[in-house]
Amino acid sequence: MTVIDERFLRHRLRSTSYGGIAAATVATLLWYYRFTVDHRFSWDLLSIPITMIIIKWSLMLWYRKTD
């Protein structure tokens, strides 16, 4: 039987969180570049950070309510 160390789970959670934040930051910067340089409003790129914000706030409210 393999026992998963608690540190491994914490490291996986932290790395996944940083990866998601980095991806949303890159999408936001790419949207901003297209908006300022190309003068083109790109909803597909803007939807990525908006989705991240909505999910994060929803989960924060859910955990606060249920914990």
Protein backbone atom coordinates (compact mmCIF):
# COMPACT_ATOMS: atom_id res chain seq x y z
CA MET A 1 0.00 0.00 0.00
CA THR A 2 1.42 3.38 -1.02
CA VAL A 3 0.99 6.23 1.42
CA ILE A 4 0.97 9.70 -0.08
CA ASP A 5 2.87 12.19 2.01
CA GLU A 6 1.01 15.32 3.12
CA ARG A 7 3.87 17.48 1.85
CA PHE A 8 3.40 16.03 -1.64
CA LEU A 9 -0.27 17.01 -1.64
CA ARG A 10 0.57 20.50 -0.41
CA HIS A 11 3.27 20.91 -3.08
CA ARG A 12 0.90 19.68 -5.79
CA LEU A 13 -1.80 22.09 -4.64
CA ARG A 14 0.64 25.01 -4.53
CA SER A 15 2.16 24.25 -7.95
CA THR A 16 -1.28 23.88 -9.54
CA SER A 17 -2.34 27.19 -8.03
CA TYR A 18 0.77 28.98 -9.29
CA GLY A 19 0.33 27.42 -12.71
CA GLY A 20 -3.25 28.63 -12.96
CA ILE A 21 -2.33 32.12 -11.81
CA ALA A 22 0.53 32.28 -14.32
CA ALA A 23 -1.72 31.13 -17.17
CA ALA A 24 -4.39 33.70 -16.30
CA THR A 25 -1.72 36.42 -16.06
CA VAL A 26 -0.33 35.54 -19.48
CA ALA A 27 -3.85 35.54 -20.97
CA THR A 28 -4.57 38.93 -19.36
CA LEU A 29 -1.32 40.42 -20.66
CA LEU A 30 -1.97 39.04 -24.15
CA TRP A 31 -5.49 40.50 -24.07
CA TYR A 32 -4.09 43.85 -22.94
CA TYR A 33 -1.49 43.81 -25.72
CA ARG A 34 -4.09 43.06 -28.37
CA PHE A 35 -6.38 45.73 -26.93
CA THR A 36 -3.73 48.49 -26.78
CA VAL A 37 -1.57 47.69 -29.82
CA ASP A 38 -3.96 46.03 -32.27
CA HIS A 39 -7.03 47.95 -31.01
CA ARG A 40 -8.95 44.68 -30.96
CA PHE A 41 -11.18 43.57 -28.08
CA SER A 42 -10.70 39.83 -27.67
CA TRP A 43 -13.44 38.22 -25.59
CA ASP A 44 -11.88 34.76 -25.77
CA LEU A 45 -8.72 35.89 -23.99
CA LEU A 46 -10.62 38.05 -21.50
CA SER A 47 -12.86 35.12 -20.58
CA ILE A 48 -9.90 33.20 -19.10
CA PRO A 49 -9.09 35.58 -16.21
CA ILE A 50 -12.80 36.34 -15.69
CA THR A 51 -13.50 32.62 -15.33
CA MET A 52 -10.60 32.25 -12.92
CA ILE A 53 -11.88 35.13 -10.77
CA ILE A 54 -15.45 33.80 -10.71
CA ILE A 55 -14.34 30.29 -9.76
CA LYS A 56 -11.93 31.54 -7.09
CA TRP A 57 -14.48 33.83 -5.46
CA SER A 58 -17.20 31.19 -5.63
CA LEU A 59 -14.98 28.61 -3.96
CA MET A 60 -13.83 31.10 -1.33
CA LEU A 61 -17.46 31.86 -0.44
CA TRP A 62 -18.36 28.16 -0.48
CA TYR A 63 -15.46 27.19 1.81
CA ARG A 64 -16.22 30.06 4.17
CA LYS A 65 -19.87 28.98 4.36
CA THR A 66 -19.21 25.26 4.82
CA ASP A 67 -16.02 25.31 6.88
